[in-house]
Amino acid sequence: MPRSRGLCKRRVDEIASAHVLKVLEPIWTTKPETARRVKQRIGVVFDWALASPAPPIRLSAGRAHCLERTPVSRA
């Protein structure tokens, strides 16, 4: 499975909504649980970056709103 090299090689302040969507779109409907976890982990990294003492970063609001809702699987 290809890795999300588009995000791995970038600084957090260089990541735009388009980059996140490029990672999530291929798996959003085919592997919703994996996509949800990836989205959550990306969010954790953004949250950490915002809370760190480093200079402020620019984040595009609503990055996940561009993706359709997926059914929640309860296993």
PDB file of N, CA and C in Angstrom:
ATOM      1  N   MET A   1       0.846  -1.183   0.000  1.00  0.00           N
ATOM      2  CA  MET A   1       0.000   0.000   0.000  1.00  0.00           C
ATOM      3  C   MET A   1       0.887   1.240   0.000  1.00  0.00           C
ATOM      4  N   PRO A   2       0.591   2.208  -0.876  1.00  0.00           N
ATOM      5  CA  PRO A   2       1.433   3.407  -0.925  1.00  0.00           C
ATOM      6  C   PRO A   2       1.284   4.247   0.335  1.00  0.00           C
ATOM      7  N   ARG A   3       2.376   4.828   0.777  1.00  0.00           N
ATOM      8  CA  ARG A   3       2.343   5.679   1.964  1.00  0.00           C
ATOM      9  C   ARG A   3       1.994   7.098   1.581  1.00  0.00           C
ATOM     10  N   SER A   4       1.582   7.868   2.526  1.00  0.00           N
ATOM     11  CA  SER A   4       1.189   9.256   2.289  1.00  0.00           C
ATOM     12  C   SER A   4       2.416  10.157   2.275  1.00  0.00           C
ATOM     13  N   ARG A   5       3.259   9.953   1.299  1.00  0.00           N
ATOM     14  CA  ARG A   5       4.507  10.719   1.219  1.00  0.00           C
ATOM     15  C   ARG A   5       4.254  12.223   1.127  1.00  0.00           C
ATOM     16  N   GLY A   6       3.104  12.601   0.612  1.00  0.00           N
ATOM     17  CA  GLY A   6       2.781  14.015   0.509  1.00  0.00           C
ATOM     18  C   GLY A   6       2.767  14.716   1.850  1.00  0.00           C
ATOM     19  N   LEU A   7       2.405  14.022   2.915  1.00  0.00           N
ATOM     20  CA  LEU A   7       2.397  14.620   4.242  1.00  0.00           C
ATOM     21  C   LEU A   7       3.704  14.378   4.976  1.00  0.00           C
ATOM     22  N   CYS A   8       4.297  13.229   4.798  1.00  0.00           N
ATOM     23  CA  CYS A   8       5.499  12.862   5.553  1.00  0.00           C
ATOM     24  C   CYS A   8       6.683  13.776   5.263  1.00  0.00           C
ATOM     25  N   LYS A   9       6.739  14.307   4.076  1.00  0.00           N
ATOM     26  CA  LYS A   9       7.885  15.138   3.697  1.00  0.00           C
ATOM     27  C   LYS A   9       7.656  16.625   3.946  1.00  0.00           C
ATOM     28  N   ARG A  10       6.521  16.978   4.515  1.00  0.00           N
ATOM     29  CA  ARG A  10       6.188  18.392   4.715  1.00  0.00           C
ATOM     30  C   ARG A  10       6.219  18.777   6.189  1.00  0.00           C
ATOM     31  N   ARG A  11       6.538  20.049   6.414  1.00  0.00           N
ATOM     32  CA  ARG A  11       6.396  20.604   7.751  1.00  0.00           C
ATOM     33  C   ARG A  11       4.908  20.816   7.998  1.00  0.00           C
ATOM     34  N   VAL A  12       4.500  20.794   9.241  1.00  0.00           N
ATOM     35  CA  VAL A  12       3.085  20.934   9.565  1.00  0.00           C
ATOM     36  C   VAL A  12       2.526  22.253   9.024  1.00  0.00           C
ATOM     37  N   ASP A  13       3.305  23.316   9.090  1.00  0.00           N
ATOM     38  CA  ASP A  13       2.798  24.604   8.606  1.00  0.00           C
ATOM     39  C   ASP A  13       2.707  24.675   7.088  1.00  0.00           C
ATOM     40  N   GLU A  14       3.173  23.658   6.384  1.00  0.00           N
ATOM     41  CA  GLU A  14       3.074  23.611   4.921  1.00  0.00           C
ATOM     42  C   GLU A  14       1.905  22.749   4.447  1.00  0.00           C
ATOM     43  N   ILE A  15       1.238  22.067   5.362  1.00  0.00           N
ATOM     44  CA  ILE A  15       0.153  21.163   4.991  1.00  0.00           C
ATOM     45  C   ILE A  15      -1.146  21.948   4.853  1.00  0.00           C
ATOM     46  N   ALA A  16      -1.780  21.790   3.704  1.00  0.00           N
ATOM     47  CA  ALA A  16      -3.055  22.448   3.422  1.00  0.00           C
ATOM     48  C   ALA A  16      -4.159  21.401   3.374  1.00  0.00           C
ATOM     49  N   SER A  17      -5.385  21.867   3.343  1.00  0.00           N
ATOM     50  CA  SER A  17      -6.524  20.950   3.265  1.00  0.00           C
ATOM     51  C   SER A  17      -6.412  20.014   2.077  1.00  0.00           C
ATOM     52  N   ALA A  18      -5.937  20.530   0.965  1.00  0.00           N
ATOM     53  CA  ALA A  18      -5.802  19.709  -0.244  1.00  0.00           C
ATOM     54  C   ALA A  18      -4.876  18.525  -0.014  1.00  0.00           C
ATOM     55  N   HIS A  19      -3.822  18.707   0.771  1.00  0.00           N
ATOM     56  CA  HIS A  19      -2.896  17.608   1.061  1.00  0.00           C
ATOM     57  C   HIS A  19      -3.585  16.525   1.890  1.00  0.00           C
ATOM     58  N   VAL A  20      -4.350  16.959   2.890  1.00  0.00           N
ATOM     59  CA  VAL A  20      -5.051  15.999   3.747  1.00  0.00           C
ATOM     60  C   VAL A  20      -6.092  15.245   2.928  1.00  0.00           C
ATOM     61  N   LEU A  21      -6.832  15.961   2.104  1.00  0.00           N
ATOM     62  CA  LEU A  21      -7.844  15.313   1.270  1.00  0.00           C
ATOM     63  C   LEU A  21      -7.221  14.319   0.296  1.00  0.00           C
ATOM     64  N   LYS A  22      -6.051  14.652  -0.241  1.00  0.00           N
ATOM     65  CA  LYS A  22      -5.368  13.749  -1.169  1.00  0.00           C
ATOM     66  C   LYS A  22      -5.026  12.422  -0.497  1.00  0.00           C
ATOM     67  N   VAL A  23      -4.741  12.463   0.781  1.00  0.00           N
ATOM     68  CA  VAL A  23      -4.436  11.248   1.540  1.00  0.00           C
ATOM     69  C   VAL A  23      -5.713  10.474   1.870  1.00  0.00           C
ATOM     70  N   LEU A  24      -6.756  11.190   2.270  1.00  0.00           N
ATOM     71  CA  LEU A  24      -7.971  10.531   2.751  1.00  0.00           C
ATOM     72  C   LEU A  24      -8.929  10.062   1.653  1.00  0.00           C
ATOM     73  N   GLU A  25      -9.034  10.798   0.567  1.00  0.00           N
ATOM     74  CA  GLU A  25     -10.029  10.462  -0.460  1.00  0.00           C
ATOM     75  C   GLU A  25      -9.937   9.038  -0.998  1.00  0.00           C
ATOM     76  N   PRO A  26      -8.747   8.514  -1.294  1.00  0.00           N
ATOM     77  CA  PRO A  26      -8.692   7.151  -1.846  1.00  0.00           C
ATOM     78  C   PRO A  26      -9.221   6.068  -0.903  1.00  0.00           C
ATOM     79  N   ILE A  27      -9.183   6.306   0.389  1.00  0.00           N
ATOM     80  CA  ILE A  27      -9.608   5.278   1.344  1.00  0.00           C
ATOM     81  C   ILE A  27     -10.891   5.624   2.079  1.00  0.00           C
ATOM     82  N   TRP A  28     -11.446   6.811   1.834  1.00  0.00           N
ATOM     83  CA  TRP A  28     -12.576   7.293   2.623  1.00  0.00           C
ATOM     84  C   TRP A  28     -13.789   6.374   2.531  1.00  0.00           C
ATOM     85  N   THR A  29     -14.127   5.885   1.340  1.00  0.00           N
ATOM     86  CA  THR A  29     -15.303   5.028   1.192  1.00  0.00           C
ATOM     87  C   THR A  29     -14.942   3.549   1.162  1.00  0.00           C
ATOM     88  N   THR A  30     -13.727   3.219   0.766  1.00  0.00           N
ATOM     89  CA  THR A  30     -13.344   1.807   0.681  1.00  0.00           C
ATOM     90  C   THR A  30     -12.862   1.247   2.013  1.00  0.00           C
ATOM     91  N   LYS A  31     -12.224   2.068   2.822  1.00  0.00           N
ATOM     92  CA  LYS A  31     -11.704   1.638   4.126  1.00  0.00           C
ATOM     93  C   LYS A  31     -12.034   2.712   5.161  1.00  0.00           C
ATOM     94  N   PRO A  32     -13.319   2.864   5.478  1.00  0.00           N
ATOM     95  CA  PRO A  32     -13.722   3.977   6.341  1.00  0.00           C
ATOM     96  C   PRO A  32     -13.088   3.967   7.731  1.00  0.00           C
ATOM     97  N   GLU A  33     -12.892   2.800   8.313  1.00  0.00           N
ATOM     98  CA  GLU A  33     -12.286   2.742   9.655  1.00  0.00           C
ATOM     99  C   GLU A  33     -10.836   3.222   9.614  1.00  0.00           C
ATOM    100  N   THR A  34     -10.088   2.777   8.604  1.00  0.00           N
ATOM    101  CA  THR A  34      -8.705   3.223   8.440  1.00  0.00           C
ATOM    102  C   THR A  34      -8.666   4.720   8.179  1.00  0.00           C
ATOM    103  N   ALA A  35      -9.541   5.205   7.313  1.00  0.00           N
ATOM    104  CA  ALA A  35      -9.590   6.634   6.997  1.00  0.00           C
ATOM    105  C   ALA A  35      -9.904   7.452   8.244  1.00  0.00           C
ATOM    106  N   ARG A  36     -10.838   6.973   9.048  1.00  0.00           N
ATOM    107  CA  ARG A  36     -11.190   7.677  10.283  1.00  0.00           C
ATOM    108  C   ARG A  36      -9.984   7.763  11.216  1.00  0.00           C
ATOM    109  N   ARG A  37      -9.256   6.677  11.321  1.00  0.00           N
ATOM    110  CA  ARG A  37      -8.070   6.664  12.199  1.00  0.00           C
ATOM    111  C   ARG A  37      -6.968   7.573  11.669  1.00  0.00           C
ATOM    112  N   VAL A  38      -6.756   7.554  10.363  1.00  0.00           N
ATOM    113  CA  VAL A  38      -5.748   8.434   9.763  1.00  0.00           C
ATOM    114  C   VAL A  38      -6.126   9.890   9.998  1.00  0.00           C
ATOM    115  N   LYS A  39      -7.394  10.225   9.770  1.00  0.00           N
ATOM    116  CA  LYS A  39      -7.879  11.594   9.990  1.00  0.00           C
ATOM    117  C   LYS A  39      -7.678  12.004  11.441  1.00  0.00           C
ATOM    118  N   GLN A  40      -7.965  11.090  12.358  1.00  0.00           N
ATOM    119  CA  GLN A  40      -7.794  11.384  13.778  1.00  0.00           C
ATOM    120  C   GLN A  40      -6.328  11.625  14.102  1.00  0.00           C
ATOM    121  N   ARG A  41      -5.445  10.821  13.557  1.00  0.00           N
ATOM    122  CA  ARG A  41      -4.011  10.981  13.845  1.00  0.00           C
ATOM    123  C   ARG A  41      -3.451  12.265  13.245  1.00  0.00           C
ATOM    124  N   ILE A  42      -3.919  12.620  12.057  1.00  0.00           N
ATOM    125  CA  ILE A  42      -3.504  13.892  11.466  1.00  0.00           C
ATOM    126  C   ILE A  42      -3.974  15.035  12.370  1.00  0.00           C
ATOM    127  N   GLY A  43      -5.193  14.943  12.878  1.00  0.00           N
ATOM    128  CA  GLY A  43      -5.709  15.960  13.790  1.00  0.00           C
ATOM    129  C   GLY A  43      -4.887  16.078  15.057  1.00  0.00           C
ATOM    130  N   VAL A  44      -4.423  14.946  15.582  1.00  0.00           N
ATOM    131  CA  VAL A  44      -3.586  14.966  16.790  1.00  0.00           C
ATOM    132  C   VAL A  44      -2.278  15.708  16.508  1.00  0.00           C
ATOM    133  N   VAL A  45      -1.699  15.475  15.354  1.00  0.00           N
ATOM    134  CA  VAL A  45      -0.460  16.173  14.996  1.00  0.00           C
ATOM    135  C   VAL A  45      -0.718  17.670  14.883  1.00  0.00           C
ATOM    136  N   PHE A  46      -1.829  18.066  14.237  1.00  0.00           N
ATOM    137  CA  PHE A  46      -2.163  19.482  14.135  1.00  0.00           C
ATOM    138  C   PHE A  46      -2.391  20.090  15.518  1.00  0.00           C
ATOM    139  N   ASP A  47      -3.118  19.374  16.373  1.00  0.00           N
ATOM    140  CA  ASP A  47      -3.362  19.874  17.725  1.00  0.00           C
ATOM    141  C   ASP A  47      -2.057  20.066  18.490  1.00  0.00           C
ATOM    142  N   TRP A  48      -1.138  19.112  18.358  1.00  0.00           N
ATOM    143  CA  TRP A  48       0.157  19.228  19.031  1.00  0.00           C
ATOM    144  C   TRP A  48       0.917  20.436  18.496  1.00  0.00           C
ATOM    145  N   ALA A  49       0.882  20.616  17.173  1.00  0.00           N
ATOM    146  CA  ALA A  49       1.604  21.743  16.574  1.00  0.00           C
ATOM    147  C   ALA A  49       1.036  23.079  17.059  1.00  0.00           C
ATOM    148  N   LEU A  50      -0.274  23.147  17.192  1.00  0.00           N
ATOM    149  CA  LEU A  50      -0.883  24.390  17.678  1.00  0.00           C
ATOM    150  C   LEU A  50      -0.543  24.654  19.140  1.00  0.00           C
ATOM    151  N   ALA A  51      -0.375  23.599  19.926  1.00  0.00           N
ATOM    152  CA  ALA A  51      -0.101  23.759  21.351  1.00  0.00           C
ATOM    153  C   ALA A  51       1.387  23.932  21.650  1.00  0.00           C
ATOM    154  N   SER A  52       2.239  23.629  20.694  1.00  0.00           N
ATOM    155  CA  SER A  52       3.684  23.717  20.933  1.00  0.00           C
ATOM    156  C   SER A  52       4.129  25.180  20.943  1.00  0.00           C
ATOM    157  N   PRO A  53       5.279  25.456  21.544  1.00  0.00           N
ATOM    158  CA  PRO A  53       5.757  26.839  21.622  1.00  0.00           C
ATOM    159  C   PRO A  53       6.332  27.361  20.306  1.00  0.00           C
ATOM    160  N   ALA A  54       6.275  26.563  19.253  1.00  0.00           N
ATOM    161  CA  ALA A  54       6.791  26.990  17.951  1.00  0.00           C
ATOM    162  C   ALA A  54       5.924  28.120  17.395  1.00  0.00           C
ATOM    163  N   PRO A  55       6.385  28.798  16.357  1.00  0.00           N
ATOM    164  CA  PRO A  55       5.564  29.861  15.752  1.00  0.00           C
ATOM    165  C   PRO A  55       4.214  29.321  15.301  1.00  0.00           C
ATOM    166  N   PRO A  56       3.189  30.156  15.279  1.00  0.00           N
ATOM    167  CA  PRO A  56       1.853  29.691  14.886  1.00  0.00           C
ATOM    168  C   PRO A  56       1.843  29.148  13.462  1.00  0.00           C
ATOM    169  N   ILE A  57       0.970  28.200  13.223  1.00  0.00           N
ATOM    170  CA  ILE A  57       0.856  27.602  11.901  1.00  0.00           C
ATOM    171  C   ILE A  57      -0.470  27.991  11.288  1.00  0.00           C
ATOM    172  N   ARG A  58      -0.536  27.909   9.982  1.00  0.00           N
ATOM    173  CA  ARG A  58      -1.772  28.209   9.276  1.00  0.00           C
ATOM    174  C   ARG A  58      -2.460  26.898   8.933  1.00  0.00           C
ATOM    175  N   LEU A  59      -3.648  26.690   9.442  1.00  0.00           N
ATOM    176  CA  LEU A  59      -4.427  25.494   9.123  1.00  0.00           C
ATOM    177  C   LEU A  59      -5.720  25.916   8.453  1.00  0.00           C
ATOM    178  N   SER A  60      -6.078  25.188   7.421  1.00  0.00           N
ATOM    179  CA  SER A  60      -7.351  25.459   6.763  1.00  0.00           C
ATOM    180  C   SER A  60      -8.462  24.822   7.582  1.00  0.00           C
ATOM    181  N   ALA A  61      -9.436  25.592   7.931  1.00  0.00           N
ATOM    182  CA  ALA A  61     -10.546  25.072   8.728  1.00  0.00           C
ATOM    183  C   ALA A  61     -11.440  24.199   7.864  1.00  0.00           C
ATOM    184  N   GLY A  62     -12.041  23.225   8.488  1.00  0.00           N
ATOM    185  CA  GLY A  62     -13.029  22.405   7.799  1.00  0.00           C
ATOM    186  C   GLY A  62     -12.455  21.412   6.816  1.00  0.00           C
ATOM    187  N   ARG A  63     -11.277  20.925   7.053  1.00  0.00           N
ATOM    188  CA  ARG A  63     -10.652  20.023   6.093  1.00  0.00           C
ATOM    189  C   ARG A  63     -11.439  18.745   5.875  1.00  0.00           C
ATOM    190  N   ALA A  64     -12.117  18.248   6.878  1.00  0.00           N
ATOM    191  CA  ALA A  64     -12.846  16.993   6.739  1.00  0.00           C
ATOM    192  C   ALA A  64     -14.244  17.184   6.176  1.00  0.00           C
ATOM    193  N   HIS A  65     -14.726  18.405   6.145  1.00  0.00           N
ATOM    194  CA  HIS A  65     -16.081  18.649   5.657  1.00  0.00           C
ATOM    195  C   HIS A  65     -16.199  18.411   4.154  1.00  0.00           C
ATOM    196  N   CYS A  66     -15.096  18.256   3.469  1.00  0.00           N
ATOM    197  CA  CYS A  66     -15.115  18.005   2.028  1.00  0.00           C
ATOM    198  C   CYS A  66     -15.381  16.533   1.730  1.00  0.00           C
ATOM    199  N   LEU A  67     -15.324  15.682   2.711  1.00  0.00           N
ATOM    200  CA  LEU A  67     -15.514  14.245   2.527  1.00  0.00           C
ATOM    201  C   LEU A  67     -16.920  13.871   2.932  1.00  0.00           C
ATOM    202  N   GLU A  68     -17.489  12.911   2.210  1.00  0.00           N
ATOM    203  CA  GLU A  68     -18.835  12.466   2.543  1.00  0.00           C
ATOM    204  C   GLU A  68     -18.814  11.663   3.849  1.00  0.00           C
ATOM    205  N   ARG A  69     -19.934  11.607   4.508  1.00  0.00           N
ATOM    206  CA  ARG A  69     -20.027  10.844   5.762  1.00  0.00           C
ATOM    207  C   ARG A  69     -19.973   9.355   5.449  1.00  0.00           C
ATOM    208  N   THR A  70     -19.334   8.611   6.302  1.00  0.00           N
ATOM    209  CA  THR A  70     -19.285   7.166   6.156  1.00  0.00           C
ATOM    210  C   THR A  70     -20.057   6.528   7.298  1.00  0.00           C
ATOM    211  N   PRO A  71     -20.632   5.354   7.047  1.00  0.00           N
ATOM    212  CA  PRO A  71     -21.373   4.706   8.128  1.00  0.00           C
ATOM    213  C   PRO A  71     -20.431   4.284   9.250  1.00  0.00           C
ATOM    214  N   VAL A  72     -20.911   4.375  10.470  1.00  0.00           N
ATOM    215  CA  VAL A  72     -20.128   3.966  11.631  1.00  0.00           C
ATOM    216  C   VAL A  72     -20.341   2.465  11.824  1.00  0.00           C
ATOM    217  N   SER A  73     -19.238   1.736  11.843  1.00  0.00           N
ATOM    218  CA  SER A  73     -19.366   0.296  12.068  1.00  0.00           C
ATOM    219  C   SER A  73     -19.164   0.020  13.545  1.00  0.00           C
ATOM    220  N   ARG A  74     -20.039  -0.702  14.101  1.00  0.00           N
ATOM    221  CA  ARG A  74     -19.962  -1.061  15.515  1.00  0.00           C
ATOM    222  C   ARG A  74     -19.698  -2.555  15.607  1.00  0.00           C
ATOM    223  N   ALA A  75     -18.454  -2.871  15.918  1.00  0.00           N
ATOM    224  CA  ALA A  75     -18.078  -4.288  15.991  1.00  0.00           C
ATOM    225  C   ALA A  75     -17.959  -4.751  17.419  1.00  0.00           C
TER     226      ALA A  75
END
